[in-house]
Protein backbone atom coordinates (compact mmCIF):
# COMPACT_ATOMS: atom_id res chain seq x y z
CA MET A 1 90.86 141.27 80.02
CA VAL A 2 88.36 139.53 82.11
CA ASP A 3 85.39 141.68 81.17
CA ILE A 4 85.48 140.12 77.46
CA PHE A 5 83.87 137.00 78.77
CA TYR A 6 81.08 139.20 79.85
CA ARG A 7 80.05 139.09 76.09
CA LYS A 8 79.51 135.41 75.93
CA TYR A 9 78.22 134.27 79.47
CA CYS A 10 75.63 136.13 81.31
CA ARG A 11 72.77 135.63 83.84
CA TRP A 12 69.40 136.85 83.25
CA TYR A 13 66.48 136.37 85.95
CA ASN A 14 68.56 133.41 87.65
CA CYS A 15 69.25 131.62 84.90
CA TYR A 16 72.61 131.36 83.15
CA TYR A 17 73.32 131.84 79.42
CA GLU A 18 76.11 131.13 76.99
CA LYS A 19 76.32 132.36 73.37
CA ILE A 20 77.63 129.71 71.01
CA GLY A 21 77.89 131.40 67.42
CA ASN A 22 74.78 133.17 66.86
CA ASN A 23 72.63 130.95 69.36
CA ILE A 24 71.98 131.62 72.99
CA LYS A 25 72.07 128.35 75.35
CA ASN A 26 70.51 128.07 78.62
CA ILE A 27 73.25 126.34 80.66
CA SER A 28 71.41 126.82 84.31
CA ASP A 29 71.15 122.91 84.58
CA GLU A 30 75.18 122.53 84.67
CA ILE A 31 75.72 125.31 87.31
CA PRO A 32 77.23 123.53 90.30
CA PHE A 33 76.33 126.39 92.95
CA GLU A 34 75.38 129.97 92.92
CA ILE A 35 77.79 132.72 92.66
CA PRO A 36 77.78 136.40 93.21
CA LYS A 37 75.95 138.68 90.69
CA ASN A 38 78.79 140.25 89.24
CA TRP A 39 80.55 136.89 88.63
CA ILE A 40 80.02 134.79 85.57
CA TRP A 41 80.49 130.92 84.90
CA ILE A 42 82.86 130.09 81.84
CA ARG A 43 84.31 127.20 80.27
CA LEU A 44 88.05 126.23 80.84
CA ASN A 45 88.79 126.27 77.19
CA GLU A 46 88.08 129.94 77.06
CA ILE A 47 90.77 130.62 79.46
CA GLY A 48 93.73 129.14 77.99
CA SER A 49 95.11 126.16 75.83
CA PHE A 50 95.23 122.55 77.08
CA ARG A 51 97.58 120.03 75.60
CA LYS A 52 98.03 116.31 76.79
CA GLY A 53 101.47 114.80 76.28
CA PRO A 54 102.45 112.77 73.15
CA PHE A 55 101.32 109.19 72.46
CA GLY A 56 103.83 106.65 73.95
CA SER A 57 104.96 105.59 70.44
CA SER A 58 106.07 109.24 69.81
CA LEU A 59 108.37 109.44 72.71
CA THR A 60 110.10 106.49 73.64
CA LYS A 61 113.37 105.71 75.76
CA ASP A 62 115.40 105.05 72.55
CA MET A 63 114.85 108.41 71.38
CA PHE A 64 116.51 109.93 74.55
CA VAL A 65 119.93 111.55 74.22
CA SER A 66 122.55 112.41 76.91
CA GLU A 67 122.59 115.72 78.88
CA ASN A 68 125.69 116.80 77.16
CA THR A 69 124.27 116.48 73.62
CA MET A 70 124.51 119.87 71.79
CA GLY A 71 121.39 121.60 71.81
CA ARG A 72 119.50 118.89 73.60
CA LYS A 73 115.99 119.61 75.18
CA LYS A 74 114.54 118.64 78.55
CA VAL A 75 111.61 116.07 78.78
CA TYR A 76 109.47 117.17 81.73
CA GLU A 77 107.87 114.27 83.67
CA GLN A 78 105.15 113.63 86.12
CA LYS A 79 107.48 114.11 89.23
CA ASN A 80 108.26 117.58 88.11
CA ALA A 81 104.58 118.29 88.71
CA ILE A 82 104.24 116.27 91.60
CA GLN A 83 107.14 117.44 93.44
CA LYS A 84 107.05 120.98 92.12
CA ASP A 85 110.59 121.26 91.09
CA TYR A 86 111.55 121.81 87.35
CA SER A 87 115.01 120.52 87.72
CA LEU A 88 114.11 116.65 88.53
CA GLY A 89 114.63 114.26 85.71
CA ASN A 90 117.33 113.58 83.42
CA TYR A 91 115.56 112.82 79.95
CA TYR A 92 116.46 114.82 77.02
CA ILE A 93 115.72 114.57 73.24
CA SER A 94 117.78 116.06 70.42
CA LYS A 95 117.30 119.34 68.95
CA GLU A 96 115.87 117.50 65.75
CA LYS A 97 113.46 115.46 67.67
CA PHE A 98 112.36 118.60 69.48
CA LYS A 99 111.27 120.57 66.03
CA SER A 100 108.99 117.41 65.20
CA MET A 101 106.96 118.04 68.71
CA GLN A 102 106.12 121.76 68.64
CA SER A 103 102.77 121.05 70.00
CA PHE A 104 104.28 119.43 73.17
CA ILE A 105 106.56 122.40 74.21
CA ALA A 106 106.53 123.35 77.65
CA GLU A 107 108.33 126.69 78.42
CA PRO A 108 108.75 129.22 81.59
CA GLY A 109 105.19 130.27 82.86
CA ASP A 110 103.51 127.21 81.58
CA ILE A 111 101.39 125.11 83.88
CA ILE A 112 102.09 121.42 84.12
CA VAL A 113 99.43 118.83 85.53
CA SER A 114 100.03 115.19 86.43
CA CYS A 115 97.47 113.04 84.42
CA ALA A 116 97.98 109.62 85.94
CA GLY A 117 98.18 107.91 88.99
CA THR A 118 98.76 110.83 91.39
CA ILE A 119 96.43 112.96 89.55
CA GLY A 120 95.94 116.94 89.42
CA GLU A 121 99.10 117.96 90.78
CA ILE A 122 99.85 121.46 89.23
CA TYR A 123 103.01 123.42 88.92
CA VAL A 124 104.06 126.47 87.31
CA LEU A 125 107.34 126.45 85.51
CA PRO A 126 109.42 129.26 87.02
CA ASN A 127 111.07 131.78 84.53
CA PHE A 128 114.42 130.47 84.78
CA SER A 129 113.40 126.86 83.82
CA GLU A 130 114.57 125.78 80.36
CA ILE A 131 112.39 125.07 77.50
CA GLY A 132 111.33 121.43 76.78
CA ILE A 133 108.35 119.24 76.04
CA ILE A 134 105.94 117.26 78.06
CA ASN A 135 105.95 113.42 78.20
CA GLN A 136 102.84 111.15 78.13
CA ALA A 137 101.68 111.77 82.03
CA LEU A 138 101.51 115.35 81.63
CA MET A 139 99.06 118.21 80.54
CA ARG A 140 100.42 121.37 79.67
CA ILE A 141 98.13 124.73 80.23
CA LYS A 142 98.84 128.01 78.88
CA LEU A 143 96.45 130.47 80.35
CA TYR A 144 95.41 133.41 77.70
CA ILE A 145 95.00 135.78 80.55
CA LYS A 146 98.07 135.75 83.52
CA CYS A 147 96.06 137.85 85.95
CA ILE A 148 94.02 134.87 86.67
CA GLU A 149 96.71 132.47 87.29
CA GLN A 150 96.94 132.32 91.08
CA TYR A 151 93.21 132.05 91.35
CA PHE A 152 93.02 129.25 88.51
CA ILE A 153 95.68 127.20 90.43
CA LEU A 154 93.69 127.63 93.82
CA TYR A 155 90.47 126.65 92.31
CA PHE A 156 91.94 123.59 90.38
CA ASP A 157 93.55 122.49 93.77
CA SER A 158 90.60 122.73 95.79
CA VAL A 159 87.48 121.80 93.23
CA LEU A 160 88.41 120.98 89.79
CA LYS A 161 91.14 118.29 90.90
CA LYS A 162 87.84 116.49 92.84
CA GLU A 163 85.84 116.85 89.88
CA ALA A 164 88.59 115.47 87.50
CA ASN A 165 88.97 112.33 89.69
CA GLU A 166 85.37 111.73 89.75
CA LYS A 167 85.17 112.16 86.05
CA GLY A 168 88.40 110.59 85.23
CA LYS A 169 88.45 107.32 83.20
CA GLY A 170 90.38 104.08 83.83
CA THR A 171 90.35 101.16 86.03
CA GLY A 172 93.26 100.49 88.54
CA MET A 173 94.71 103.97 87.80
CA LYS A 174 92.78 107.29 87.60
CA ASN A 175 93.64 109.76 84.70
CA ILE A 176 92.42 113.09 83.85
CA PRO A 177 89.09 113.17 81.98
CA PRO A 178 88.87 113.37 78.09
CA PHE A 179 89.44 117.04 76.79
CA ASN A 180 86.07 117.29 75.65
CA VAL A 181 85.12 116.77 79.34
CA LEU A 182 87.94 118.87 80.76
CA LYS A 183 87.52 121.72 78.38
CA ASN A 184 83.81 122.01 79.16
CA MET A 185 84.18 122.09 82.65
CA LEU A 186 83.03 125.48 84.41
CA LEU A 187 85.01 128.06 86.35
CA PRO A 188 83.60 130.69 88.44
CA LEU A 189 85.19 133.86 87.35
CA PRO A 190 85.06 137.26 89.53
CA PRO A 191 85.56 140.53 88.23
CA GLU A 192 89.49 141.43 87.66
CA LYS A 193 89.73 143.70 90.44
CA GLU A 194 88.19 141.03 93.13
CA ILE A 195 90.44 138.26 91.81
CA GLY A 196 93.60 139.80 93.84
CA ARG A 197 91.51 140.26 97.04
CA ILE A 198 90.24 136.63 96.75
CA VAL A 199 93.85 135.42 96.11
CA ASN A 200 95.41 137.33 98.82
CA GLN A 201 92.80 135.98 101.49
CA LEU A 202 92.99 132.61 100.22
CA ASN A 203 96.88 132.56 100.62
CA ILE A 204 96.28 133.33 104.33
CA VAL A 205 93.37 130.82 104.92
CA VAL A 206 94.66 127.77 102.85
CA PRO A 207 97.78 127.12 104.95
CA ILE A 208 95.79 127.32 108.03
CA ILE A 209 93.35 124.56 106.81
CA ASP A 210 96.26 122.67 105.41
CA ASP A 211 97.49 122.65 109.07
CA ILE A 212 94.42 121.75 110.59
CA SER A 213 93.78 118.67 108.29
CA SER A 214 97.22 117.50 108.63
CA LYS A 215 96.65 117.62 112.62
CA CYS A 216 93.38 116.04 112.11
CA SER A 217 94.99 113.10 109.98
CA ASP A 218 97.48 112.55 112.76
CA LEU A 219 94.62 112.65 115.39
CA LYS A 220 92.74 109.92 113.45
CA LYS A 221 96.13 107.66 113.39
CA ASN A 222 96.32 108.06 116.87
CA ILE A 223 92.66 107.36 117.64
CA GLU A 224 93.04 103.95 115.22
CA LYS A 225 96.18 102.93 117.55
CA THR A 226 94.13 103.60 120.97
CA LYS A 227 91.28 101.49 119.18
CA TYR A 228 94.26 98.59 118.58
CA LYS A 229 95.27 99.11 122.55
CA ILE A 230 91.83 98.72 123.72
CA LEU A 231 91.46 95.41 121.90
CA ASP A 232 94.71 94.51 123.16
CA TYR A 233 93.40 94.97 126.48
CA TYR A 234 90.48 92.51 126.35
CA PHE A 235 92.03 90.12 123.90
CA GLY A 236 95.73 90.13 124.30
CA GLU A 237 98.15 87.38 125.71
CA ASN A 238 98.13 89.41 129.11
CA SER A 239 94.27 90.12 129.37
CA CYS A 240 93.18 90.57 132.95
CA TYR A 241 90.00 88.68 131.78
CA LYS A 242 91.73 85.46 131.27
CA SER A 243 92.57 85.39 135.01
CA TYR A 244 89.18 86.49 136.18
CA TYR A 245 86.74 84.35 134.13
CA GLN A 246 86.72 80.70 132.77
CA HIS A 247 87.39 80.50 129.24
CA GLU A 248 88.44 78.33 126.53
CA LYS A 249 90.97 78.44 123.70
CA ASP A 250 90.73 76.65 120.24
CA GLU A 251 91.24 77.10 116.44
CA LEU A 252 88.58 78.97 114.73
CA GLN A 253 87.81 76.02 112.57
CA ASN A 254 86.90 73.99 115.83
CA ILE A 255 84.49 76.79 117.09
CA CYS A 256 82.68 77.53 113.81
CA LYS A 257 81.11 74.71 111.59
CA LYS A 258 81.50 76.53 108.51
CA ILE A 259 84.51 78.71 107.23
CA THR A 260 84.33 79.33 103.16
CA LYS A 261 84.44 82.01 100.62
CA GLY A 262 82.62 82.69 97.65
CA SER A 263 83.62 83.24 93.78
CA THR A 264 82.97 85.65 90.81
CA PRO A 265 79.87 85.04 89.02
CA THR A 266 81.20 85.99 85.69
CA THR A 267 83.83 83.20 85.82
CA TYR A 268 80.84 80.64 85.47
CA GLY A 269 78.89 82.68 82.87
CA PHE A 270 76.66 84.61 84.91
CA ASP A 271 76.44 88.42 84.19
CA PHE A 272 76.04 91.21 86.86
CA LEU A 273 72.48 92.74 86.86
CA ASP A 274 71.21 96.32 87.74
CA ASN A 275 69.00 94.53 90.45
CA GLY A 276 68.09 91.03 92.01
CA ILE A 277 70.25 89.30 94.76
CA SER A 278 72.84 91.78 96.15
CA PHE A 279 76.47 90.89 95.73
CA ILE A 280 78.73 91.93 98.44
CA LYS A 281 82.05 93.34 97.90
CA VAL A 282 84.82 94.68 99.95
CA GLU A 283 84.04 98.15 99.21
CA ASN A 284 80.44 97.62 100.69
CA VAL A 285 81.66 97.15 104.08
CA LYS A 286 82.21 100.06 106.26
CA ASN A 287 82.16 100.50 110.11
CA HIS A 288 81.54 96.83 110.65
CA HIS A 289 78.48 97.16 108.70
CA ILE A 290 77.38 96.19 105.04
CA ASP A 291 76.22 99.53 103.20
CA ASN A 292 73.25 98.70 101.26
CA GLU A 293 73.00 102.08 99.52
CA SER A 294 76.81 101.35 98.21
CA ILE A 295 75.90 98.05 96.49
CA THR A 296 75.94 98.47 92.62
CA CYS A 297 76.35 94.69 91.72
CA TYR A 298 73.36 92.07 91.94
CA ILE A 299 73.21 88.63 90.56
CA SER A 300 70.38 86.25 89.36
CA ASP A 301 68.34 83.80 91.43
CA ASP A 302 70.06 81.04 89.14
CA ALA A 303 73.43 82.73 90.16
CA ASN A 304 72.57 82.69 93.59
CA GLU A 305 71.63 78.99 93.55
CA PHE A 306 74.75 78.23 91.75
CA GLN A 307 76.93 80.01 94.16
CA LYS A 308 75.18 78.00 97.29
CA ARG A 309 78.04 77.90 99.02
CA SER A 310 78.49 81.54 99.51
CA GLN A 311 75.01 82.59 99.95
CA LEU A 312 74.85 84.72 103.35
CA LYS A 313 72.68 84.21 106.31
CA GLU A 314 72.03 86.45 109.29
CA ASN A 315 74.61 86.67 112.00
CA ASP A 316 77.53 85.50 109.46
CA VAL A 317 80.66 87.23 109.77
CA LEU A 318 82.48 88.33 106.77
CA PHE A 319 86.27 88.77 106.98
CA SER A 320 88.07 90.28 104.02
CA ILE A 321 90.95 88.19 102.87
CA ALA A 322 92.07 90.00 99.60
CA GLY A 323 93.05 93.47 99.09
CA THR A 324 92.08 95.15 102.17
CA ILE A 325 92.59 92.58 104.94
CA GLY A 326 90.62 92.08 107.89
CA ARG A 327 87.61 94.55 107.12
CA THR A 328 84.72 92.57 109.30
CA CYS A 329 80.91 92.92 109.42
CA ILE A 330 77.94 90.85 110.75
CA VAL A 331 75.47 89.98 108.19
CA THR A 332 71.86 91.52 109.26
CA LYS A 333 68.31 90.54 107.99
CA GLU A 334 68.29 93.95 106.23
CA ASN A 335 71.28 92.73 103.92
CA LEU A 336 69.60 89.74 102.76
CA PRO A 337 69.29 87.94 100.34
CA ALA A 338 73.07 88.15 99.38
CA ASN A 339 75.91 86.59 97.96
CA THR A 340 79.66 87.54 98.08
CA ASN A 341 83.18 86.66 96.15
CA GLN A 342 86.15 85.42 97.20
CA ALA A 343 87.55 88.64 98.47
CA PHE A 344 85.42 87.46 101.81
CA ALA A 345 85.82 84.36 104.22
CA ILE A 346 82.55 83.68 105.50
CA ILE A 347 82.36 82.61 108.92
CA SER A 348 78.95 80.68 109.75
CA GLU A 349 77.33 78.67 112.68
CA TYR A 350 79.38 79.35 115.69
CA GLU A 351 77.21 78.49 118.99
CA LYS A 352 79.80 79.30 121.86
CA ILE A 353 80.69 82.74 120.67
CA LYS A 354 78.73 85.93 120.51
CA PRO A 355 79.01 87.29 117.06
CA LYS A 356 80.22 90.75 117.93
CA TYR A 357 82.84 89.04 120.39
CA LEU A 358 84.18 87.17 117.07
CA LEU A 359 83.91 90.15 114.97
CA TYR A 360 86.16 92.14 117.33
CA PHE A 361 88.69 89.13 117.97
CA LEU A 362 89.00 89.06 114.27
CA GLU A 363 89.65 93.02 114.24
CA TYR A 364 92.15 92.43 116.84
CA SER A 365 93.91 89.56 115.07
CA LYS A 366 93.92 90.56 111.56
CA LEU A 367 97.78 91.31 111.55
CA SER A 368 98.57 87.90 112.80
CA ILE A 369 96.72 85.74 110.30
CA ASP A 370 99.00 83.88 107.97
CA SER A 371 98.99 85.91 104.60
CA HIS A 372 100.55 85.44 100.95
CA GLY A 373 100.57 87.47 98.04
CA GLY A 374 103.08 89.82 96.17
CA GLY A 375 101.57 93.16 94.79
CA MET A 376 98.38 92.65 96.49
CA MET A 377 98.49 91.33 100.07
CA ASN A 378 95.97 88.62 100.52
CA ALA A 379 95.15 86.40 103.66
CA THR A 380 94.80 82.75 103.21
CA LEU A 381 91.47 80.94 104.22
CA GLY A 382 93.74 78.16 106.03
CA GLY A 383 95.52 80.93 108.18
CA LEU A 384 92.21 82.07 109.08
CA LYS A 385 90.94 78.63 110.06
CA THR A 386 93.68 77.94 112.35
CA LEU A 387 93.71 81.12 114.16
CA ASN A 388 93.65 80.69 117.90
CA ILE A 389 90.68 81.96 119.87
CA TRP A 390 90.24 82.35 123.55
CA TYR A 391 86.80 83.26 124.74
CA PRO A 392 85.01 83.42 128.15
CA ILE A 393 82.66 80.25 128.53
CA SER A 394 79.91 82.63 129.85
CA LYS A 395 78.29 84.52 127.16
CA ASN A 396 77.12 87.06 129.63
CA ILE A 397 81.01 87.91 130.15
CA GLN A 398 81.27 88.08 126.36
CA GLU A 399 78.49 90.67 126.34
CA LYS A 400 80.20 92.71 128.92
CA ILE A 401 83.30 92.77 126.82
CA ILE A 402 81.56 94.08 123.87
CA TYR A 403 79.77 96.46 125.75
CA LYS A 404 83.11 98.18 127.15
CA ILE A 405 84.75 97.84 123.75
CA GLU A 406 81.77 99.49 121.97
CA ASN A 407 81.48 102.22 124.68
CA SER A 408 85.10 103.02 124.12
CA PHE A 409 84.91 103.07 120.33
CA GLU A 410 81.77 105.16 120.64
CA LEU A 411 83.66 107.99 122.66
CA LEU A 412 86.96 107.92 120.17
CA ASN A 413 84.65 108.13 117.18
CA THR A 414 82.99 111.23 118.82
CA ILE A 415 86.29 112.87 119.29
CA ILE A 416 86.99 112.00 115.27
CA SER A 417 83.58 113.55 114.33
């Protein structure tokens, strides 16, 4: 059965072609990677039918009936795909409603896929599952050729899910991409006899990889805990450095001349541009540095002048106070000129403390800064201003502490990498 696709897709002199009607199209520019010579690339719509759930108004809660209703049919939900369990859920529709929703039927052997939020979780309804329909958060796939089912699922989990997330539309919540995108995605298809061998090997290898990934995740968590213990050793209440060296303790607002935050320029009628003054967001800060390559928003000179309060200067320390609390960095010459929004507190003009000493102290203290917020955690600027900081009077001792912290962190980062 797989061999029929060789009539429509082929490779000739290292180029890939697709037959569309009576025309032959070169699709080499779409090919993501090379495959063995006896494999072919095919579109997803060639291997099965894809159907998303009904629009919200077509299936609402007031249409549901009780489980005991004669002839009722099950409504499959997102959690059936995510938790890989056909029996979950207690939503049902009447026999009459089911007849009007024939396009959305899900039956044993069908593949259901989660389409919003937790995107791309895939599950094959077992032979003993009941016939029902899919809801708005699911997609149903009926494969034309059952022998490629396991191969398709493995490839979907390892490659297509990632690609779907990258092409997914939506803002706060990712979604499966539009069907015209999804159906045109390419699948590398081996000869039928080779599919079984590949699946058998992957069934052995994938669990091993998953186990290694799980252990790596645990290792990263332990390393983060270790980093906090290191910071606690130097900055905590029982730090031996407090006994050894002369130090002072004061609120941050008394140590720094300026603690402020920015705002969103579009609020004041200034649009974001494709180039101009860099506009720093929380996602642009990684590993205590501003990643210039990740910056996608820029503002005009006029907008920068209007937001003079949040113009950044060399050695300013940024501390995120919205969304991801406590992401810190030091502004360098390479980051300028730049401005930022209200998600960052800007700490400037501190003479008694070395920039990196302040950065690491804030990293240590981020959980203790007064915060507010409901769905999204936020730290208050006032809570940051009243944060008590102790520091050695000698900047040489501050440098010594910085040196030891960074040496320890470098060793831990080496373990992760």
